[in-house]
Amino acid sequence: MKILKYFLCLITSVIILNVTASAKNKCVPKVYVFGLAASFNDSIVYLTNIQELDSAWIDDKNDFLANRSDYSYQLKNYFESQNINHRTCIVSYALKRKDINKKYQKIKNKYTKGGNFDIRYINNDDFKFSVIKPE
């Protein structure tokens, strides 16, 4: 009975390792991204332009942008270098231009509706995302 339990645990472990190891990243020619930075302390919302990332990496299984949090940190670090601290930064992405345009317009409408937020746009000359290759 102990051998059977040990064998089942071993097989379960191997299956879990195979499932997690099979998630691979692939390089795609273009990914479209934009960033948003907001704070709970004020009504200013910063929005980058839609940018093209050449040769970006996405997860093969679910088309998630690899190292998404690192892209958010790029934006956060930009704001900290401008002495604009305590911003929550997010990055939205899509593989098709029309999809990112929809996401961008949806976010923009959310913050312009009602006039409660001061939206400030960040030009590509001021901030540009850099491609991050996964480890």
N, C-alpha and C. Protein backbone atom coordinates (compact mmCIF):
# COMPACT_ATOMS: atom_id res chain seq x y z
N MET A 1 0.82 -1.19 0.00
CA MET A 1 0.00 0.00 0.00
C MET A 1 0.86 1.26 0.00
N LYS A 2 1.96 1.26 0.76
CA LYS A 2 2.87 2.40 0.79
C LYS A 2 3.51 2.61 -0.57
N ILE A 3 3.82 1.53 -1.24
CA ILE A 3 4.45 1.63 -2.56
C ILE A 3 3.47 2.26 -3.54
N LEU A 4 2.20 1.89 -3.46
CA LEU A 4 1.20 2.45 -4.35
C LEU A 4 1.04 3.95 -4.11
N LYS A 5 1.00 4.39 -2.85
CA LYS A 5 0.90 5.81 -2.54
C LYS A 5 2.13 6.56 -3.05
N TYR A 6 3.29 5.97 -2.85
CA TYR A 6 4.52 6.60 -3.32
C TYR A 6 4.51 6.72 -4.85
N PHE A 7 4.07 5.67 -5.52
CA PHE A 7 4.00 5.67 -6.98
C PHE A 7 3.02 6.72 -7.50
N LEU A 8 1.85 6.85 -6.85
CA LEU A 8 0.87 7.85 -7.25
C LEU A 8 1.41 9.27 -7.04
N CYS A 9 2.10 9.49 -5.96
CA CYS A 9 2.71 10.81 -5.70
C CYS A 9 3.77 11.12 -6.75
N LEU A 10 4.54 10.14 -7.10
CA LEU A 10 5.59 10.32 -8.10
C LEU A 10 4.99 10.66 -9.46
N ILE A 11 3.96 9.94 -9.86
CA ILE A 11 3.32 10.18 -11.14
C ILE A 11 2.67 11.58 -11.16
N THR A 12 2.01 11.94 -10.07
CA THR A 12 1.39 13.26 -9.98
C THR A 12 2.44 14.36 -10.11
N SER A 13 3.56 14.18 -9.46
CA SER A 13 4.64 15.17 -9.53
C SER A 13 5.17 15.31 -10.95
N VAL A 14 5.35 14.19 -11.62
CA VAL A 14 5.86 14.21 -13.00
C VAL A 14 4.87 14.92 -13.91
N ILE A 15 3.59 14.66 -13.74
CA ILE A 15 2.57 15.31 -14.56
C ILE A 15 2.57 16.82 -14.33
N ILE A 16 2.65 17.24 -13.08
CA ILE A 16 2.66 18.67 -12.77
C ILE A 16 3.90 19.32 -13.36
N LEU A 17 5.04 18.68 -13.25
CA LEU A 17 6.27 19.24 -13.82
C LEU A 17 6.18 19.35 -15.33
N ASN A 18 5.59 18.37 -15.98
CA ASN A 18 5.46 18.43 -17.44
C ASN A 18 4.52 19.54 -17.88
N VAL A 19 3.45 19.74 -17.14
CA VAL A 19 2.50 20.79 -17.50
C VAL A 19 3.15 22.16 -17.35
N THR A 20 3.84 22.40 -16.25
CA THR A 20 4.47 23.71 -16.05
C THR A 20 5.68 23.90 -16.95
N ALA A 21 6.38 22.85 -17.27
CA ALA A 21 7.57 22.98 -18.12
C ALA A 21 7.19 23.16 -19.58
N SER A 22 5.98 22.79 -19.95
CA SER A 22 5.59 22.89 -21.35
C SER A 22 5.20 24.31 -21.75
N ALA A 23 5.02 25.21 -20.80
CA ALA A 23 4.71 26.59 -21.13
C ALA A 23 5.97 27.26 -21.64
N LYS A 24 5.98 27.60 -22.92
CA LYS A 24 7.16 28.20 -23.53
C LYS A 24 6.81 29.58 -24.03
N ASN A 25 7.83 30.37 -24.18
CA ASN A 25 7.66 31.69 -24.74
C ASN A 25 8.08 31.67 -26.20
N LYS A 26 7.35 32.44 -27.00
CA LYS A 26 7.71 32.55 -28.41
C LYS A 26 7.85 34.03 -28.75
N CYS A 27 8.70 34.28 -29.70
CA CYS A 27 8.93 35.64 -30.16
C CYS A 27 7.95 35.94 -31.29
N VAL A 28 7.26 37.05 -31.19
CA VAL A 28 6.33 37.46 -32.24
C VAL A 28 6.85 38.75 -32.86
N PRO A 29 6.55 38.97 -34.13
CA PRO A 29 7.09 40.16 -34.81
C PRO A 29 6.65 41.48 -34.19
N LYS A 30 5.39 41.57 -33.79
CA LYS A 30 4.89 42.83 -33.22
C LYS A 30 3.90 42.57 -32.11
N VAL A 31 4.02 43.38 -31.09
CA VAL A 31 3.05 43.44 -30.01
C VAL A 31 2.77 44.93 -29.80
N TYR A 32 1.51 45.27 -29.61
CA TYR A 32 1.13 46.65 -29.38
C TYR A 32 0.83 46.83 -27.89
N VAL A 33 1.39 47.89 -27.30
CA VAL A 33 1.23 48.13 -25.87
C VAL A 33 0.93 49.60 -25.60
N PHE A 34 0.29 49.84 -24.47
CA PHE A 34 0.20 51.19 -23.91
C PHE A 34 0.19 51.05 -22.40
N GLY A 35 0.54 52.12 -21.74
CA GLY A 35 0.60 52.11 -20.29
C GLY A 35 -0.30 53.16 -19.68
N LEU A 36 -0.72 52.88 -18.47
CA LEU A 36 -1.57 53.77 -17.71
C LEU A 36 -0.99 53.87 -16.31
N ALA A 37 -0.95 55.09 -15.78
CA ALA A 37 -0.46 55.30 -14.42
C ALA A 37 -1.45 56.17 -13.67
N ALA A 38 -1.87 55.71 -12.53
CA ALA A 38 -2.84 56.45 -11.72
C ALA A 38 -2.44 56.36 -10.26
N SER A 39 -3.04 57.21 -9.47
CA SER A 39 -2.78 57.24 -8.04
C SER A 39 -4.10 57.42 -7.31
N PHE A 40 -4.17 56.87 -6.11
CA PHE A 40 -5.35 57.06 -5.27
C PHE A 40 -5.31 58.42 -4.57
N ASN A 41 -4.17 59.10 -4.66
CA ASN A 41 -3.99 60.37 -3.95
C ASN A 41 -4.44 61.59 -4.74
N ASP A 42 -4.58 61.44 -6.07
CA ASP A 42 -5.02 62.58 -6.86
C ASP A 42 -5.80 62.10 -8.08
N SER A 43 -6.28 63.04 -8.87
CA SER A 43 -7.12 62.70 -10.01
C SER A 43 -6.37 62.71 -11.34
N ILE A 44 -5.05 62.79 -11.29
CA ILE A 44 -4.26 62.81 -12.52
C ILE A 44 -4.00 61.38 -12.98
N VAL A 45 -4.31 61.13 -14.24
CA VAL A 45 -4.09 59.83 -14.86
C VAL A 45 -3.17 60.05 -16.06
N TYR A 46 -2.10 59.28 -16.11
CA TYR A 46 -1.16 59.38 -17.22
C TYR A 46 -1.39 58.22 -18.18
N LEU A 47 -1.35 58.52 -19.47
CA LEU A 47 -1.61 57.52 -20.49
C LEU A 47 -0.55 57.65 -21.57
N THR A 48 0.13 56.56 -21.88
CA THR A 48 1.11 56.59 -22.96
C THR A 48 0.39 56.41 -24.29
N ASN A 49 1.09 56.70 -25.35
CA ASN A 49 0.59 56.39 -26.68
C ASN A 49 0.67 54.89 -26.90
N ILE A 50 -0.05 54.41 -27.89
CA ILE A 50 0.09 53.00 -28.29
C ILE A 50 1.45 52.87 -28.97
N GLN A 51 2.20 51.87 -28.53
CA GLN A 51 3.55 51.67 -29.07
C GLN A 51 3.67 50.27 -29.65
N GLU A 52 4.48 50.14 -30.67
CA GLU A 52 4.78 48.83 -31.26
C GLU A 52 6.07 48.31 -30.65
N LEU A 53 6.01 47.09 -30.16
CA LEU A 53 7.22 46.42 -29.69
C LEU A 53 7.60 45.39 -30.74
N ASP A 54 8.78 45.53 -31.30
CA ASP A 54 9.25 44.56 -32.28
C ASP A 54 9.92 43.40 -31.56
N SER A 55 9.64 42.21 -32.01
CA SER A 55 10.25 40.99 -31.48
C SER A 55 10.01 40.84 -29.98
N ALA A 56 8.78 41.03 -29.57
CA ALA A 56 8.41 40.83 -28.17
C ALA A 56 8.10 39.35 -27.93
N TRP A 57 8.07 38.98 -26.68
CA TRP A 57 7.87 37.58 -26.31
C TRP A 57 6.51 37.40 -25.65
N ILE A 58 5.82 36.35 -26.06
CA ILE A 58 4.54 36.02 -25.44
C ILE A 58 4.55 34.55 -25.05
N ASP A 59 3.70 34.22 -24.09
CA ASP A 59 3.54 32.84 -23.64
C ASP A 59 2.82 32.06 -24.74
N ASP A 60 3.36 30.93 -25.09
CA ASP A 60 2.86 30.12 -26.19
C ASP A 60 1.45 29.59 -25.92
N LYS A 61 1.14 29.30 -24.67
CA LYS A 61 -0.15 28.69 -24.34
C LYS A 61 -1.32 29.66 -24.37
N ASN A 62 -1.13 30.84 -23.76
CA ASN A 62 -2.27 31.73 -23.57
C ASN A 62 -2.08 33.12 -24.16
N ASP A 63 -1.02 33.32 -24.92
CA ASP A 63 -0.73 34.60 -25.57
C ASP A 63 -0.58 35.76 -24.58
N PHE A 64 -0.13 35.49 -23.36
CA PHE A 64 0.17 36.55 -22.41
C PHE A 64 1.53 37.14 -22.73
N LEU A 65 1.65 38.42 -22.57
CA LEU A 65 2.93 39.09 -22.76
C LEU A 65 3.88 38.63 -21.66
N ALA A 66 5.01 38.08 -22.06
CA ALA A 66 5.99 37.59 -21.07
C ALA A 66 6.57 38.78 -20.30
N ASN A 67 6.79 38.60 -19.04
CA ASN A 67 7.37 39.62 -18.16
C ASN A 67 6.51 40.89 -18.12
N ARG A 68 5.21 40.74 -18.07
CA ARG A 68 4.31 41.89 -18.04
C ARG A 68 4.63 42.84 -16.89
N SER A 69 4.94 42.30 -15.77
CA SER A 69 5.22 43.17 -14.62
C SER A 69 6.46 44.02 -14.85
N ASP A 70 7.43 43.50 -15.60
CA ASP A 70 8.63 44.29 -15.89
C ASP A 70 8.32 45.49 -16.78
N TYR A 71 7.35 45.35 -17.67
CA TYR A 71 6.94 46.48 -18.49
C TYR A 71 6.27 47.54 -17.62
N SER A 72 5.48 47.10 -16.65
CA SER A 72 4.86 48.05 -15.72
C SER A 72 5.93 48.78 -14.90
N TYR A 73 6.98 48.04 -14.51
CA TYR A 73 8.07 48.67 -13.76
C TYR A 73 8.84 49.66 -14.62
N GLN A 74 8.93 49.43 -15.92
CA GLN A 74 9.58 50.42 -16.78
C GLN A 74 8.84 51.75 -16.69
N LEU A 75 7.52 51.67 -16.74
CA LEU A 75 6.70 52.89 -16.65
C LEU A 75 6.81 53.51 -15.26
N LYS A 76 6.77 52.69 -14.24
CA LYS A 76 6.89 53.19 -12.86
C LYS A 76 8.24 53.88 -12.65
N ASN A 77 9.30 53.28 -13.17
CA ASN A 77 10.63 53.87 -13.04
C ASN A 77 10.73 55.20 -13.78
N TYR A 78 10.05 55.30 -14.91
CA TYR A 78 10.02 56.58 -15.64
C TYR A 78 9.41 57.66 -14.75
N PHE A 79 8.29 57.37 -14.13
CA PHE A 79 7.64 58.37 -13.28
C PHE A 79 8.49 58.73 -12.07
N GLU A 80 9.13 57.75 -11.49
CA GLU A 80 10.00 58.04 -10.35
C GLU A 80 11.18 58.91 -10.77
N SER A 81 11.69 58.72 -12.00
CA SER A 81 12.78 59.58 -12.49
C SER A 81 12.30 61.01 -12.72
N GLN A 82 10.99 61.18 -12.91
CA GLN A 82 10.39 62.51 -13.09
C GLN A 82 9.89 63.09 -11.76
N ASN A 83 10.22 62.43 -10.66
CA ASN A 83 9.76 62.80 -9.30
C ASN A 83 8.24 62.78 -9.19
N ILE A 84 7.63 61.85 -9.89
CA ILE A 84 6.19 61.61 -9.77
C ILE A 84 6.06 60.22 -9.15
N ASN A 85 5.93 60.19 -7.84
CA ASN A 85 5.96 58.93 -7.10
C ASN A 85 4.56 58.41 -6.79
N HIS A 86 4.54 57.19 -6.31
CA HIS A 86 3.32 56.54 -5.82
C HIS A 86 2.26 56.38 -6.90
N ARG A 87 2.68 55.94 -8.06
CA ARG A 87 1.76 55.67 -9.16
C ARG A 87 1.60 54.17 -9.32
N THR A 88 0.38 53.75 -9.55
CA THR A 88 0.11 52.36 -9.90
C THR A 88 0.11 52.29 -11.42
N CYS A 89 0.98 51.47 -11.97
CA CYS A 89 1.16 51.41 -13.41
C CYS A 89 0.69 50.07 -13.95
N ILE A 90 -0.03 50.14 -15.05
CA ILE A 90 -0.46 48.91 -15.73
C ILE A 90 -0.08 49.03 -17.20
N VAL A 91 0.05 47.88 -17.81
CA VAL A 91 0.36 47.82 -19.23
C VAL A 91 -0.70 46.94 -19.89
N SER A 92 -1.26 47.43 -20.97
CA SER A 92 -2.20 46.66 -21.74
C SER A 92 -1.56 46.35 -23.09
N TYR A 93 -1.86 45.20 -23.65
CA TYR A 93 -1.20 44.79 -24.89
C TYR A 93 -2.19 44.02 -25.76
N ALA A 94 -1.84 43.90 -27.02
CA ALA A 94 -2.60 43.10 -27.97
C ALA A 94 -1.68 42.74 -29.12
N LEU A 95 -2.05 41.68 -29.81
CA LEU A 95 -1.26 41.23 -30.95
C LEU A 95 -1.72 41.90 -32.25
N LYS A 96 -2.91 42.50 -32.23
CA LYS A 96 -3.44 43.16 -33.41
C LYS A 96 -3.71 44.63 -33.10
N ARG A 97 -3.46 45.46 -34.09
CA ARG A 97 -3.63 46.91 -33.93
C ARG A 97 -5.08 47.27 -33.58
N LYS A 98 -6.04 46.63 -34.24
CA LYS A 98 -7.45 46.97 -33.98
C LYS A 98 -7.85 46.59 -32.55
N ASP A 99 -7.27 45.51 -32.01
CA ASP A 99 -7.59 45.11 -30.63
C ASP A 99 -7.05 46.11 -29.62
N ILE A 100 -5.82 46.59 -29.85
CA ILE A 100 -5.25 47.55 -28.90
C ILE A 100 -5.97 48.89 -29.00
N ASN A 101 -6.42 49.25 -30.20
CA ASN A 101 -7.19 50.49 -30.36
C ASN A 101 -8.48 50.44 -29.55
N LYS A 102 -9.15 49.29 -29.54
CA LYS A 102 -10.38 49.12 -28.76
C LYS A 102 -10.09 49.26 -27.26
N LYS A 103 -9.04 48.60 -26.81
CA LYS A 103 -8.68 48.68 -25.39
C LYS A 103 -8.32 50.11 -24.99
N TYR A 104 -7.55 50.77 -25.85
CA TYR A 104 -7.13 52.14 -25.58
C TYR A 104 -8.34 53.07 -25.48
N GLN A 105 -9.25 52.93 -26.43
CA GLN A 105 -10.44 53.78 -26.44
C GLN A 105 -11.32 53.51 -25.21
N LYS A 106 -11.42 52.26 -24.82
CA LYS A 106 -12.22 51.90 -23.64
C LYS A 106 -11.66 52.54 -22.37
N ILE A 107 -10.34 52.46 -22.21
CA ILE A 107 -9.69 53.07 -21.04
C ILE A 107 -9.84 54.59 -21.09
N LYS A 108 -9.60 55.15 -22.25
CA LYS A 108 -9.70 56.60 -22.41
C LYS A 108 -11.11 57.08 -22.09
N ASN A 109 -12.13 56.38 -22.59
CA ASN A 109 -13.52 56.75 -22.31
C ASN A 109 -13.84 56.64 -20.83
N LYS A 110 -13.28 55.64 -20.18
CA LYS A 110 -13.55 55.43 -18.75
C LYS A 110 -13.08 56.64 -17.93
N TYR A 111 -11.94 57.19 -18.30
CA TYR A 111 -11.38 58.28 -17.51
C TYR A 111 -11.83 59.66 -17.99
N THR A 112 -12.33 59.78 -19.21
CA THR A 112 -12.83 61.09 -19.66
C THR A 112 -14.29 61.28 -19.33
N LYS A 113 -15.01 60.19 -19.14
CA LYS A 113 -16.43 60.27 -18.83
C LYS A 113 -16.63 60.92 -17.46
N GLY A 114 -17.45 61.94 -17.42
CA GLY A 114 -17.75 62.60 -16.15
C GLY A 114 -16.80 63.74 -15.82
N GLY A 115 -15.64 63.79 -16.45
CA GLY A 115 -14.71 64.89 -16.21
C GLY A 115 -14.07 64.90 -14.84
N ASN A 116 -14.03 63.76 -14.16
CA ASN A 116 -13.45 63.71 -12.82
C ASN A 116 -11.94 63.53 -12.81
N PHE A 117 -11.38 63.20 -13.95
CA PHE A 117 -9.94 62.93 -14.01
C PHE A 117 -9.25 63.88 -14.98
N ASP A 118 -8.02 64.19 -14.64
CA ASP A 118 -7.17 65.00 -15.50
C ASP A 118 -6.24 64.03 -16.23
N ILE A 119 -6.50 63.80 -17.51
CA ILE A 119 -5.69 62.85 -18.29
C ILE A 119 -4.53 63.60 -18.92
N ARG A 120 -3.34 63.07 -18.71
CA ARG A 120 -2.14 63.63 -19.31
C ARG A 120 -1.49 62.55 -20.16
N TYR A 121 -1.18 62.93 -21.38
CA TYR A 121 -0.64 61.97 -22.34
C TYR A 121 0.89 62.06 -22.37
N ILE A 122 1.51 60.90 -22.49
CA ILE A 122 2.97 60.82 -22.53
C ILE A 122 3.38 60.48 -23.95
N ASN A 123 4.18 61.33 -24.55
CA ASN A 123 4.65 61.11 -25.92
C ASN A 123 5.71 60.02 -25.97
N ASN A 124 5.87 59.44 -27.15
CA ASN A 124 6.91 58.42 -27.34
C ASN A 124 8.31 59.01 -27.19
N ASP A 125 8.45 60.32 -27.41
CA ASP A 125 9.75 60.96 -27.22
C ASP A 125 10.14 60.99 -25.75
N ASP A 126 9.14 61.05 -24.88
CA ASP A 126 9.41 61.11 -23.44
C ASP A 126 9.59 59.72 -22.82
N PHE A 127 8.79 58.77 -23.27
CA PHE A 127 8.87 57.42 -22.71
C PHE A 127 8.58 56.40 -23.80
N LYS A 128 9.42 55.38 -23.85
CA LYS A 128 9.22 54.29 -24.80
C LYS A 128 9.53 52.98 -24.10
N PHE A 129 8.64 51.99 -24.26
CA PHE A 129 8.86 50.68 -23.69
C PHE A 129 10.02 49.99 -24.42
N SER A 130 10.77 49.22 -23.68
CA SER A 130 11.85 48.41 -24.25
C SER A 130 11.48 46.95 -24.16
N VAL A 131 11.80 46.19 -25.19
CA VAL A 131 11.48 44.76 -25.21
C VAL A 131 12.29 44.05 -24.12
N ILE A 132 11.63 43.16 -23.44
CA ILE A 132 12.28 42.36 -22.39
C ILE A 132 12.26 40.91 -22.83
N LYS A 133 13.42 40.32 -22.93
CA LYS A 133 13.51 38.92 -23.29
C LYS A 133 13.41 38.07 -22.02
N PRO A 134 12.53 37.08 -22.01
CA PRO A 134 12.38 36.26 -20.80
C PRO A 134 13.61 35.41 -20.55
N GLU A 135 13.77 35.06 -19.30
CA GLU A 135 14.93 34.25 -18.91
C GLU A 135 14.72 32.80 -19.26
